[in-house]
Amino acid sequence: MYQREFDQKLKQKLFKSVLFYGDNEYMINSYIETYIERLDAKEATLTLYHDEWDFAKAKSFLSQSSLFGGVNLLIVKYNKKIPKKELDTLIAQAHNGSDNYFLYYFGGEGKNAKSMQSSFVGKHSANWVRFFEPNINEGVTLLQQKAQKIKLDIDYYALQHLMLILNNNLALASNELNKLAILDMRITSKDIDRVVYSTSPLATQQLLIELFSKKPIIETISKLLELGEDELSILRATQYFVNEIFLFQAYIKLNNSVDSASILGYKLPKPIEEQKAKLAMSIKSSSILKICEYLLESEIIIKKAPSTQREVMIYGILMRVQRFL
């Protein structure tokens, strides 16, 4: 089920169990808050985050009568699949208890979420909902609703600017609105530039992952330039990234394992470490050498070029880098 259909169903009733997944953390958390408010369940909620997941604890919670004479709302936020037998047990418990509800926010890959959908379909008043990353206009509309709710005076263009500098991250933008509301004044784009920290470093990292994963990069380059990144800083970031990939590749070949602390001198989060290791082993050493040489040549050329030509040049440079892969 997709969001629009889920909204229609939600007006009629609350499903007893729901699987949420996809690329819109803000909306997923918003629906969880909707359940808490409509069920008046602030004092009757058990939330299990990631490493806190414990099937026995979850089952026990749904088995007991509410201590407050209301509902039992179980919220699980987990990036791994719950085994089908355990999942079916919790869904059945939610259905069989008139005051039981079970919300599962799955943060892993979509293909794993799809394999769990069957448990949430056609029985026990359960369903699944998939979310997609909102575009700028959709994000601004949601932020307008949030601004009205918290009585923040901010216009459409300022909200659009906020989404842009935060790399279309709706959850971050929503948090920034809460901070801006403290100023108790009309907020303009200049105010946002003054008090909100741009996520352009994150956008640069996104560009480089897409670049070396052979994905389309034109839109991300454009977004970076709009965020205020200059062409030389993008080029230098690319050179640094290539050097990292080479170090990962050399270490893995020598040790048959990956350890970012030994490679870089500091420990990366596990998902990023695994992502860079995967990229390193997917690229030929000869290709890395060619890319390094090409980037050094390109740096000299782009430094000598007029500033009016550099934007076009960075597109061409990065697209040619992809052709080496």
C-alpha atoms as a PDB file:
ATOM      1  CA  MET A   1       0.000   0.000   0.000  1.00  0.00           C
ATOM      2  CA  TYR A   2       1.185   3.514  -0.746  1.00  0.00           C
ATOM      3  CA  GLN A   3       0.781   6.666   1.298  1.00  0.00           C
ATOM      4  CA  ARG A   4      -2.297   8.130  -0.408  1.00  0.00           C
ATOM      5  CA  GLU A   5      -4.325   4.941  -0.002  1.00  0.00           C
ATOM      6  CA  PHE A   6      -3.105   4.541   3.577  1.00  0.00           C
ATOM      7  CA  ASP A   7      -4.289   8.085   4.375  1.00  0.00           C
ATOM      8  CA  GLN A   8      -7.766   7.232   3.117  1.00  0.00           C
ATOM      9  CA  LYS A   9      -7.906   4.022   5.160  1.00  0.00           C
ATOM     10  CA  LEU A  10      -6.606   5.795   8.244  1.00  0.00           C
ATOM     11  CA  LYS A  11      -9.583   8.180   8.227  1.00  0.00           C
ATOM     12  CA  GLN A  12     -11.852   5.170   8.705  1.00  0.00           C
ATOM     13  CA  LYS A  13      -9.840   3.131  11.214  1.00  0.00           C
ATOM     14  CA  LEU A  14      -6.426   2.449  12.702  1.00  0.00           C
ATOM     15  CA  PHE A  15      -4.831  -0.796  11.546  1.00  0.00           C
ATOM     16  CA  LYS A  16      -3.850  -3.021  14.471  1.00  0.00           C
ATOM     17  CA  SER A  17      -0.411  -3.735  12.932  1.00  0.00           C
ATOM     18  CA  VAL A  18       1.537  -1.732  10.340  1.00  0.00           C
ATOM     19  CA  LEU A  19       4.875  -2.248   8.595  1.00  0.00           C
ATOM     20  CA  PHE A  20       6.428   1.124   7.625  1.00  0.00           C
ATOM     21  CA  TYR A  21       9.424   1.319   5.303  1.00  0.00           C
ATOM     22  CA  GLY A  22      10.971   3.492   2.600  1.00  0.00           C
ATOM     23  CA  ASP A  23      12.839   6.780   2.139  1.00  0.00           C
ATOM     24  CA  ASN A  24      10.853   9.285   4.173  1.00  0.00           C
ATOM     25  CA  GLU A  25      11.817   9.100   7.834  1.00  0.00           C
ATOM     26  CA  TYR A  26       9.883  12.280   8.599  1.00  0.00           C
ATOM     27  CA  MET A  27       6.543  10.912   7.373  1.00  0.00           C
ATOM     28  CA  ILE A  28       7.031   7.531   9.032  1.00  0.00           C
ATOM     29  CA  ASN A  29       7.681   9.194  12.392  1.00  0.00           C
ATOM     30  CA  SER A  30       4.708  11.477  11.737  1.00  0.00           C
ATOM     31  CA  TYR A  31       2.361   8.483  11.347  1.00  0.00           C
ATOM     32  CA  ILE A  32       3.761   6.905  14.500  1.00  0.00           C
ATOM     33  CA  GLU A  33       2.991  10.157  16.339  1.00  0.00           C
ATOM     34  CA  THR A  34      -0.525  10.055  14.841  1.00  0.00           C
ATOM     35  CA  TYR A  35      -1.062   6.615  16.389  1.00  0.00           C
ATOM     36  CA  ILE A  36       0.203   7.817  19.764  1.00  0.00           C
ATOM     37  CA  GLU A  37      -2.099  10.852  19.710  1.00  0.00           C
ATOM     38  CA  ARG A  38      -5.231   9.087  18.455  1.00  0.00           C
ATOM     39  CA  LEU A  39      -4.795   6.234  20.913  1.00  0.00           C
ATOM     40  CA  ASP A  40      -3.770   8.573  23.745  1.00  0.00           C
ATOM     41  CA  ALA A  41      -0.903   6.141  24.284  1.00  0.00           C
ATOM     42  CA  LYS A  42       1.939   8.327  25.574  1.00  0.00           C
ATOM     43  CA  GLU A  43       1.931   6.416  28.870  1.00  0.00           C
ATOM     44  CA  ALA A  44       1.225   3.014  27.324  1.00  0.00           C
ATOM     45  CA  THR A  45       3.920   2.656  24.698  1.00  0.00           C
ATOM     46  CA  LEU A  46       6.907   0.326  24.500  1.00  0.00           C
ATOM     47  CA  THR A  47       9.492   1.424  21.923  1.00  0.00           C
ATOM     48  CA  LEU A  48      12.355  -0.917  21.019  1.00  0.00           C
ATOM     49  CA  TYR A  49      15.171   0.692  19.021  1.00  0.00           C
ATOM     50  CA  HIS A  50      17.561  -1.417  16.935  1.00  0.00           C
ATOM     51  CA  ASP A  51      19.898  -3.151  19.435  1.00  0.00           C
ATOM     52  CA  GLU A  52      17.138  -3.075  22.059  1.00  0.00           C
ATOM     53  CA  TRP A  53      15.038  -5.497  19.990  1.00  0.00           C
ATOM     54  CA  ASP A  54      13.925  -8.400  22.182  1.00  0.00           C
ATOM     55  CA  PHE A  55      11.153 -10.694  20.942  1.00  0.00           C
ATOM     56  CA  ALA A  56      10.380 -12.054  24.413  1.00  0.00           C
ATOM     57  CA  LYS A  57       9.976  -8.528  25.786  1.00  0.00           C
ATOM     58  CA  ALA A  58       7.768  -7.475  22.840  1.00  0.00           C
ATOM     59  CA  LYS A  59       5.587 -10.576  23.184  1.00  0.00           C
ATOM     60  CA  SER A  60       5.252 -10.114  26.927  1.00  0.00           C
ATOM     61  CA  PHE A  61       4.199  -6.477  26.485  1.00  0.00           C
ATOM     62  CA  LEU A  62       1.365  -7.395  24.110  1.00  0.00           C
ATOM     63  CA  SER A  63       0.310 -10.273  26.359  1.00  0.00           C
ATOM     64  CA  GLN A  64      -0.366  -8.148  29.429  1.00  0.00           C
ATOM     65  CA  SER A  65      -3.327  -5.951  30.252  1.00  0.00           C
ATOM     66  CA  SER A  66      -2.645  -2.248  30.057  1.00  0.00           C
ATOM     67  CA  LEU A  67      -1.552  -0.870  33.409  1.00  0.00           C
ATOM     68  CA  PHE A  68      -3.445   2.336  32.667  1.00  0.00           C
ATOM     69  CA  GLY A  69      -6.673   0.746  31.465  1.00  0.00           C
ATOM     70  CA  GLY A  70      -6.055   1.874  27.912  1.00  0.00           C
ATOM     71  CA  VAL A  71      -4.005   0.494  25.023  1.00  0.00           C
ATOM     72  CA  ASN A  72      -0.703  -1.307  24.605  1.00  0.00           C
ATOM     73  CA  LEU A  73       1.208   0.261  21.705  1.00  0.00           C
ATOM     74  CA  LEU A  74       4.359  -1.601  20.648  1.00  0.00           C
ATOM     75  CA  ILE A  75       6.728   0.396  18.401  1.00  0.00           C
ATOM     76  CA  VAL A  76       9.742  -1.369  16.896  1.00  0.00           C
ATOM     77  CA  LYS A  77      12.401   0.585  14.972  1.00  0.00           C
ATOM     78  CA  TYR A  78      14.803  -1.995  13.558  1.00  0.00           C
ATOM     79  CA  ASN A  79      16.995  -2.242  10.458  1.00  0.00           C
ATOM     80  CA  LYS A  80      16.935  -6.046  10.422  1.00  0.00           C
ATOM     81  CA  LYS A  81      14.160  -8.470   9.515  1.00  0.00           C
ATOM     82  CA  ILE A  82      12.151  -9.928  12.341  1.00  0.00           C
ATOM     83  CA  PRO A  83      11.861 -13.702  11.698  1.00  0.00           C
ATOM     84  CA  LYS A  84       8.503 -14.567  10.152  1.00  0.00           C
ATOM     85  CA  LYS A  85       7.397 -16.784  13.044  1.00  0.00           C
ATOM     86  CA  GLU A  86       8.043 -14.014  15.569  1.00  0.00           C
ATOM     87  CA  LEU A  87       6.454 -11.395  13.305  1.00  0.00           C
ATOM     88  CA  ASP A  88       3.301 -13.458  12.832  1.00  0.00           C
ATOM     89  CA  THR A  89       3.039 -13.972  16.585  1.00  0.00           C
ATOM     90  CA  LEU A  90       3.163 -10.226  17.317  1.00  0.00           C
ATOM     91  CA  ILE A  91       0.643  -9.419  14.558  1.00  0.00           C
ATOM     92  CA  ALA A  92      -1.741 -12.076  15.929  1.00  0.00           C
ATOM     93  CA  GLN A  93      -1.337 -10.726  19.466  1.00  0.00           C
ATOM     94  CA  ALA A  94      -2.131  -7.203  18.294  1.00  0.00           C
ATOM     95  CA  HIS A  95      -5.225  -8.457  16.510  1.00  0.00           C
ATOM     96  CA  ASN A  96      -6.495 -10.663  19.329  1.00  0.00           C
ATOM     97  CA  GLY A  97      -6.134  -8.016  22.021  1.00  0.00           C
ATOM     98  CA  SER A  98      -8.779  -5.329  21.570  1.00  0.00           C
ATOM     99  CA  ASP A  99      -6.406  -2.661  22.939  1.00  0.00           C
ATOM    100  CA  ASN A 100      -3.159  -3.889  21.337  1.00  0.00           C
ATOM    101  CA  TYR A 101      -1.323  -2.186  18.455  1.00  0.00           C
ATOM    102  CA  PHE A 102       1.996  -3.006  16.771  1.00  0.00           C
ATOM    103  CA  LEU A 103       3.998  -0.586  14.564  1.00  0.00           C
ATOM    104  CA  TYR A 104       7.179  -1.830  12.870  1.00  0.00           C
ATOM    105  CA  TYR A 105       9.474   0.801  11.301  1.00  0.00           C
ATOM    106  CA  PHE A 106      11.872  -1.251   9.188  1.00  0.00           C
ATOM    107  CA  GLY A 107      15.016   0.705   8.277  1.00  0.00           C
ATOM    108  CA  GLY A 108      16.737  -1.902   6.106  1.00  0.00           C
ATOM    109  CA  GLU A 109      16.726  -2.531   2.355  1.00  0.00           C
ATOM    110  CA  GLY A 110      13.435  -2.404   0.478  1.00  0.00           C
ATOM    111  CA  LYS A 111      13.809  -5.943  -0.874  1.00  0.00           C
ATOM    112  CA  ASN A 112      13.870  -7.297   2.680  1.00  0.00           C
ATOM    113  CA  ALA A 113      10.794  -5.263   3.578  1.00  0.00           C
ATOM    114  CA  LYS A 114       8.936  -6.691   0.581  1.00  0.00           C
ATOM    115  CA  SER A 115       9.619 -10.215   1.817  1.00  0.00           C
ATOM    116  CA  MET A 116       7.765  -9.363   5.038  1.00  0.00           C
ATOM    117  CA  GLN A 117       4.721  -7.805   3.388  1.00  0.00           C
ATOM    118  CA  SER A 118       2.835 -11.100   3.211  1.00  0.00           C
ATOM    119  CA  SER A 119       2.598 -11.189   7.008  1.00  0.00           C
ATOM    120  CA  PHE A 120       0.789  -7.831   6.954  1.00  0.00           C
ATOM    121  CA  VAL A 121      -1.696  -8.516   4.152  1.00  0.00           C
ATOM    122  CA  GLY A 122      -5.246  -9.865   4.232  1.00  0.00           C
ATOM    123  CA  LYS A 123      -5.553 -10.757   7.885  1.00  0.00           C
ATOM    124  CA  HIS A 124      -5.501  -9.499  11.459  1.00  0.00           C
ATOM    125  CA  SER A 125      -6.300  -5.869  10.486  1.00  0.00           C
ATOM    126  CA  ALA A 126      -2.691  -5.415   9.392  1.00  0.00           C
ATOM    127  CA  ASN A 127      -1.094  -3.622   6.456  1.00  0.00           C
ATOM    128  CA  TRP A 128       2.175  -2.281   5.098  1.00  0.00           C
ATOM    129  CA  VAL A 129       3.046   1.190   3.776  1.00  0.00           C
ATOM    130  CA  ARG A 130       5.973   2.165   1.566  1.00  0.00           C
ATOM    131  CA  PHE A 131       7.231   5.769   1.480  1.00  0.00           C
ATOM    132  CA  PHE A 132       9.307   7.575  -1.128  1.00  0.00           C
ATOM    133  CA  GLU A 133      11.675  10.519  -0.757  1.00  0.00           C
ATOM    134  CA  PRO A 134       9.665  13.722  -1.243  1.00  0.00           C
ATOM    135  CA  ASN A 135      10.628  16.222  -3.917  1.00  0.00           C
ATOM    136  CA  ILE A 136      11.304  19.846  -2.945  1.00  0.00           C
ATOM    137  CA  ASN A 137       7.705  20.991  -3.489  1.00  0.00           C
ATOM    138  CA  GLU A 138       6.233  18.103  -1.493  1.00  0.00           C
ATOM    139  CA  GLY A 139       8.733  18.771   1.279  1.00  0.00           C
ATOM    140  CA  VAL A 140       7.927  22.485   1.400  1.00  0.00           C
ATOM    141  CA  THR A 141       4.191  21.728   1.619  1.00  0.00           C
ATOM    142  CA  LEU A 142       4.800  19.477   4.641  1.00  0.00           C
ATOM    143  CA  LEU A 143       7.029  22.117   6.238  1.00  0.00           C
ATOM    144  CA  GLN A 144       4.315  24.747   5.709  1.00  0.00           C
ATOM    145  CA  GLN A 145       1.936  22.537   7.685  1.00  0.00           C
ATOM    146  CA  LYS A 146       4.545  22.143  10.432  1.00  0.00           C
ATOM    147  CA  ALA A 147       5.206  25.915  10.511  1.00  0.00           C
ATOM    148  CA  GLN A 148       1.492  26.655  10.905  1.00  0.00           C
ATOM    149  CA  LYS A 149       1.239  24.115  13.723  1.00  0.00           C
ATOM    150  CA  ILE A 150       4.100  25.681  15.713  1.00  0.00           C
ATOM    151  CA  LYS A 151       3.068  29.241  14.717  1.00  0.00           C
ATOM    152  CA  LEU A 152       6.306  30.023  12.863  1.00  0.00           C
ATOM    153  CA  ASP A 153       6.141  32.992  10.450  1.00  0.00           C
ATOM    154  CA  ILE A 154       8.080  31.825   7.374  1.00  0.00           C
ATOM    155  CA  ASP A 155       7.261  32.073   3.663  1.00  0.00           C
ATOM    156  CA  TYR A 156       7.379  29.479   0.883  1.00  0.00           C
ATOM    157  CA  TYR A 157      10.694  30.663  -0.579  1.00  0.00           C
ATOM    158  CA  ALA A 158      12.473  30.562   2.777  1.00  0.00           C
ATOM    159  CA  LEU A 159      11.224  27.001   3.307  1.00  0.00           C
ATOM    160  CA  GLN A 160      12.393  26.075  -0.188  1.00  0.00           C
ATOM    161  CA  HIS A 161      15.829  27.512   0.626  1.00  0.00           C
ATOM    162  CA  LEU A 162      15.915  25.519   3.871  1.00  0.00           C
ATOM    163  CA  MET A 163      15.194  22.273   2.015  1.00  0.00           C
ATOM    164  CA  LEU A 164      17.900  23.101  -0.526  1.00  0.00           C
ATOM    165  CA  ILE A 165      20.726  23.734   1.943  1.00  0.00           C
ATOM    166  CA  LEU A 166      19.744  20.617   3.926  1.00  0.00           C
ATOM    167  CA  ASN A 167      19.974  18.425   0.825  1.00  0.00           C
ATOM    168  CA  ASN A 168      16.218  17.725   0.752  1.00  0.00           C
ATOM    169  CA  ASN A 169      16.353  16.117   4.206  1.00  0.00           C
ATOM    170  CA  LEU A 170      12.827  16.651   5.507  1.00  0.00           C
ATOM    171  CA  ALA A 171      13.535  15.323   9.003  1.00  0.00           C
ATOM    172  CA  LEU A 172      16.452  17.745   9.471  1.00  0.00           C
ATOM    173  CA  ALA A 173      14.432  20.648   8.056  1.00  0.00           C
ATOM    174  CA  SER A 174      11.575  19.926  10.461  1.00  0.00           C
ATOM    175  CA  ASN A 175      13.980  19.975  13.418  1.00  0.00           C
ATOM    176  CA  GLU A 176      15.397  23.301  12.223  1.00  0.00           C
ATOM    177  CA  LEU A 177      11.879  24.795  12.190  1.00  0.00           C
ATOM    178  CA  ASN A 178      11.609  24.034  15.903  1.00  0.00           C
ATOM    179  CA  LYS A 179      14.858  25.921  16.504  1.00  0.00           C
ATOM    180  CA  LEU A 180      13.837  28.848  14.286  1.00  0.00           C
ATOM    181  CA  ALA A 181      10.551  29.177  16.167  1.00  0.00           C
ATOM    182  CA  ILE A 182      12.527  30.106  19.305  1.00  0.00           C
ATOM    183  CA  LEU A 183      13.626  33.337  17.582  1.00  0.00           C
ATOM    184  CA  ASP A 184       9.982  34.497  17.681  1.00  0.00           C
ATOM    185  CA  MET A 185      10.261  36.564  14.491  1.00  0.00           C
ATOM    186  CA  ARG A 186       9.519  36.357  10.774  1.00  0.00           C
ATOM    187  CA  ILE A 187      12.126  34.073   9.191  1.00  0.00           C
ATOM    188  CA  THR A 188      13.719  34.903   5.825  1.00  0.00           C
ATOM    189  CA  SER A 189      16.284  33.130   3.670  1.00  0.00           C
ATOM    190  CA  LYS A 190      18.984  35.388   5.154  1.00  0.00           C
ATOM    191  CA  ASP A 191      18.064  34.234   8.654  1.00  0.00           C
ATOM    192  CA  ILE A 192      18.360  30.616   7.520  1.00  0.00           C
ATOM    193  CA  ASP A 193      21.831  31.266   6.057  1.00  0.00           C
ATOM    194  CA  ARG A 194      22.811  32.842   9.371  1.00  0.00           C
ATOM    195  CA  VAL A 195      21.673  30.146  11.787  1.00  0.00           C
ATOM    196  CA  VAL A 196      21.283  26.867   9.855  1.00  0.00           C
ATOM    197  CA  TYR A 197      24.320  24.703   9.082  1.00  0.00           C
ATOM    198  CA  SER A 198      24.393  23.472   5.491  1.00  0.00           C
ATOM    199  CA  THR A 199      24.728  19.743   4.781  1.00  0.00           C
ATOM    200  CA  SER A 200      26.802  20.264   1.632  1.00  0.00           C
ATOM    201  CA  PRO A 201      29.586  17.956   2.971  1.00  0.00           C
ATOM    202  CA  LEU A 202      26.966  15.188   3.138  1.00  0.00           C
ATOM    203  CA  ALA A 203      25.824  16.049  -0.374  1.00  0.00           C
ATOM    204  CA  THR A 204      29.438  15.834  -1.578  1.00  0.00           C
ATOM    205  CA  GLN A 205      29.764  12.368  -0.071  1.00  0.00           C
ATOM    206  CA  GLN A 206      26.500  11.384  -1.777  1.00  0.00           C
ATOM    207  CA  LEU A 207      27.860  12.611  -5.114  1.00  0.00           C
ATOM    208  CA  LEU A 208      31.044  10.567  -4.786  1.00  0.00           C
ATOM    209  CA  ILE A 209      29.179   7.387  -3.820  1.00  0.00           C
ATOM    210  CA  GLU A 210      26.903   7.849  -6.846  1.00  0.00           C
ATOM    211  CA  LEU A 211      29.893   8.631  -9.067  1.00  0.00           C
ATOM    212  CA  PHE A 212      31.768   5.444  -8.208  1.00  0.00           C
ATOM    213  CA  SER A 213      28.594   3.345  -8.161  1.00  0.00           C
ATOM    214  CA  LYS A 214      28.083   4.382 -11.813  1.00  0.00           C
ATOM    215  CA  LYS A 215      24.783   6.102 -11.040  1.00  0.00           C
ATOM    216  CA  PRO A 216      23.475   9.336 -12.663  1.00  0.00           C
ATOM    217  CA  ILE A 217      25.303  12.307 -11.144  1.00  0.00           C
ATOM    218  CA  ILE A 218      24.165  15.440 -13.017  1.00  0.00           C
ATOM    219  CA  GLU A 219      21.336  16.258 -10.590  1.00  0.00           C
ATOM    220  CA  THR A 220      23.596  15.856  -7.532  1.00  0.00           C
ATOM    221  CA  ILE A 221      26.325  18.044  -9.062  1.00  0.00           C
ATOM    222  CA  SER A 222      23.726  20.739  -9.755  1.00  0.00           C
ATOM    223  CA  LYS A 223      22.460  20.509  -6.173  1.00  0.00           C
ATOM    224  CA  LEU A 224      25.992  20.879  -4.795  1.00  0.00           C
ATOM    225  CA  LEU A 225      26.664  23.955  -6.914  1.00  0.00           C
ATOM    226  CA  GLU A 226      23.348  25.449  -5.769  1.00  0.00           C
ATOM    227  CA  LEU A 227      24.423  24.830  -2.169  1.00  0.00           C
ATOM    228  CA  GLY A 228      27.443  27.050  -2.821  1.00  0.00           C
ATOM    229  CA  GLU A 229      30.173  24.446  -3.308  1.00  0.00           C
ATOM    230  CA  ASP A 230      32.777  25.623  -5.787  1.00  0.00           C
ATOM    231  CA  GLU A 231      34.158  23.473  -8.584  1.00  0.00           C
ATOM    232  CA  LEU A 232      37.667  23.170  -7.129  1.00  0.00           C
ATOM    233  CA  SER A 233      36.396  21.963  -3.745  1.00  0.00           C
ATOM    234  CA  ILE A 234      34.349  19.262  -5.522  1.00  0.00           C
ATOM    235  CA  LEU A 235      37.441  18.240  -7.495  1.00  0.00           C
ATOM    236  CA  ARG A 236      39.597  18.087  -4.354  1.00  0.00           C
ATOM    237  CA  ALA A 237      36.947  16.033  -2.539  1.00  0.00           C
ATOM    238  CA  THR A 238      36.946  13.611  -5.478  1.00  0.00           C
ATOM    239  CA  GLN A 239      40.747  13.286  -5.329  1.00  0.00           C
ATOM    240  CA  TYR A 240      40.595  12.583  -1.589  1.00  0.00           C
ATOM    241  CA  PHE A 241      37.857   9.999  -2.090  1.00  0.00           C
ATOM    242  CA  VAL A 242      39.841   8.186  -4.789  1.00  0.00           C
ATOM    243  CA  ASN A 243      42.834   8.056  -2.453  1.00  0.00           C
ATOM    244  CA  GLU A 244      40.623   6.515   0.247  1.00  0.00           C
ATOM    245  CA  ILE A 245      39.309   3.909  -2.181  1.00  0.00           C
ATOM    246  CA  PHE A 246      42.888   2.999  -3.140  1.00  0.00           C
ATOM    247  CA  LEU A 247      43.888   2.621   0.549  1.00  0.00           C
ATOM    248  CA  PHE A 248      40.858   0.419   1.210  1.00  0.00           C
ATOM    249  CA  GLN A 249      41.667  -1.752  -1.796  1.00  0.00           C
ATOM    250  CA  ALA A 250      45.329  -2.177  -0.824  1.00  0.00           C
ATOM    251  CA  TYR A 251      44.497  -3.025   2.795  1.00  0.00           C
ATOM    252  CA  ILE A 252      41.825  -5.570   1.844  1.00  0.00           C
ATOM    253  CA  LYS A 253      44.144  -7.302  -0.628  1.00  0.00           C
ATOM    254  CA  LEU A 254      46.914  -7.528   1.980  1.00  0.00           C
ATOM    255  CA  ASN A 255      44.778  -8.530   4.986  1.00  0.00           C
ATOM    256  CA  ASN A 256      41.681 -10.108   3.451  1.00  0.00           C
ATOM    257  CA  SER A 257      39.588  -7.962   5.805  1.00  0.00           C
ATOM    258  CA  VAL A 258      38.553  -4.329   6.274  1.00  0.00           C
ATOM    259  CA  ASP A 259      39.341  -2.032   9.221  1.00  0.00           C
ATOM    260  CA  SER A 260      38.822   1.694   8.597  1.00  0.00           C
ATOM    261  CA  ALA A 261      40.672   2.591  11.828  1.00  0.00           C
ATOM    262  CA  SER A 262      43.848   0.965  10.469  1.00  0.00           C
ATOM    263  CA  ILE A 263      43.293   2.389   6.970  1.00  0.00           C
ATOM    264  CA  LEU A 264      42.337   5.986   7.792  1.00  0.00           C
ATOM    265  CA  GLY A 265      43.373   6.418  11.408  1.00  0.00           C
ATOM    266  CA  TYR A 266      39.765   6.695  12.609  1.00  0.00           C
ATOM    267  CA  LYS A 267      36.791   4.355  12.698  1.00  0.00           C
ATOM    268  CA  LEU A 268      33.981   4.878  10.199  1.00  0.00           C
ATOM    269  CA  PRO A 269      30.382   3.846  10.946  1.00  0.00           C
ATOM    270  CA  LYS A 270      29.958   0.206   9.906  1.00  0.00           C
ATOM    271  CA  PRO A 271      27.597   0.848   6.932  1.00  0.00           C
ATOM    272  CA  ILE A 272      29.964   3.467   5.455  1.00  0.00           C
ATOM    273  CA  GLU A 273      32.985   1.231   6.043  1.00  0.00           C
ATOM    274  CA  GLU A 274      31.274  -1.660   4.233  1.00  0.00           C
ATOM    275  CA  GLN A 275      30.131   0.626   1.409  1.00  0.00           C
ATOM    276  CA  LYS A 276      33.658   1.915   0.756  1.00  0.00           C
ATOM    277  CA  ALA A 277      35.096  -1.592   0.955  1.00  0.00           C
ATOM    278  CA  LYS A 278      32.559  -2.793  -1.599  1.00  0.00           C
ATOM    279  CA  LEU A 279      33.405   0.083  -3.948  1.00  0.00           C
ATOM    280  CA  ALA A 280      37.137  -0.517  -3.513  1.00  0.00           C
ATOM    281  CA  MET A 281      36.871  -4.145  -4.553  1.00  0.00           C
ATOM    282  CA  SER A 282      34.646  -3.353  -7.535  1.00  0.00           C
ATOM    283  CA  ILE A 283      37.201  -1.064  -9.223  1.00  0.00           C
ATOM    284  CA  LYS A 284      40.331  -2.265 -10.996  1.00  0.00           C
ATOM    285  CA  SER A 285      43.670  -0.952  -9.677  1.00  0.00           C
ATOM    286  CA  SER A 286      44.547   0.196 -13.190  1.00  0.00           C
ATOM    287  CA  SER A 287      41.346   2.264 -13.307  1.00  0.00           C
ATOM    288  CA  ILE A 288      42.172   3.949  -9.991  1.00  0.00           C
ATOM    289  CA  LEU A 289      45.609   4.896 -11.370  1.00  0.00           C
ATOM    290  CA  LYS A 290      44.076   6.372 -14.531  1.00  0.00           C
ATOM    291  CA  ILE A 291      41.559   8.356 -12.484  1.00  0.00           C
ATOM    292  CA  CYS A 292      44.287   9.742 -10.197  1.00  0.00           C
ATOM    293  CA  GLU A 293      46.365  10.882 -13.170  1.00  0.00           C
ATOM    294  CA  TYR A 294      43.334  12.394 -14.907  1.00  0.00           C
ATOM    295  CA  LEU A 295      42.240  14.315 -11.798  1.00  0.00           C
ATOM    296  CA  LEU A 296      45.720  15.800 -11.344  1.00  0.00           C
ATOM    297  CA  GLU A 297      45.726  16.958 -14.967  1.00  0.00           C
ATOM    298  CA  SER A 298      42.196  18.319 -14.596  1.00  0.00           C
ATOM    299  CA  GLU A 299      43.120  20.301 -11.488  1.00  0.00           C
ATOM    300  CA  ILE A 300      45.770  22.220 -13.404  1.00  0.00           C
ATOM    301  CA  ILE A 301      43.410  22.870 -16.322  1.00  0.00           C
ATOM    302  CA  ILE A 302      40.457  24.019 -14.191  1.00  0.00           C
ATOM    303  CA  LYS A 303      42.660  26.355 -12.121  1.00  0.00           C
ATOM    304  CA  LYS A 304      43.811  28.093 -15.301  1.00  0.00           C
ATOM    305  CA  ALA A 305      40.295  28.337 -16.755  1.00  0.00           C
ATOM    306  CA  PRO A 306      38.105  31.455 -16.347  1.00  0.00           C
ATOM    307  CA  SER A 307      35.608  31.121 -13.483  1.00  0.00           C
ATOM    308  CA  THR A 308      32.736  31.335 -15.976  1.00  0.00           C
ATOM    309  CA  GLN A 309      33.857  28.062 -17.590  1.00  0.00           C
ATOM    310  CA  ARG A 310      34.512  26.014 -14.465  1.00  0.00           C
ATOM    311  CA  GLU A 311      30.940  24.892 -13.882  1.00  0.00           C
ATOM    312  CA  VAL A 312      30.700  23.261 -17.303  1.00  0.00           C
ATOM    313  CA  MET A 313      34.153  21.750 -16.842  1.00  0.00           C
ATOM    314  CA  ILE A 314      33.359  20.008 -13.533  1.00  0.00           C
ATOM    315  CA  TYR A 315      30.395  18.235 -15.141  1.00  0.00           C
ATOM    316  CA  GLY A 316      32.655  16.995 -17.951  1.00  0.00           C
ATOM    317  CA  ILE A 317      35.468  15.950 -15.608  1.00  0.00           C
ATOM    318  CA  LEU A 318      33.273  13.825 -13.343  1.00  0.00           C
ATOM    319  CA  MET A 319      31.393  12.242 -16.228  1.00  0.00           C
ATOM    320  CA  ARG A 320      34.703  11.229 -17.786  1.00  0.00           C
ATOM    321  CA  VAL A 321      35.840   9.776 -14.451  1.00  0.00           C
ATOM    322  CA  GLN A 322      32.824   7.453 -14.623  1.00  0.00           C
ATOM    323  CA  ARG A 323      33.961   6.246 -18.023  1.00  0.00           C
ATOM    324  CA  PHE A 324      37.221   5.005 -16.460  1.00  0.00           C
ATOM    325  CA  LEU A 325      35.292   2.721 -14.091  1.00  0.00           C
END
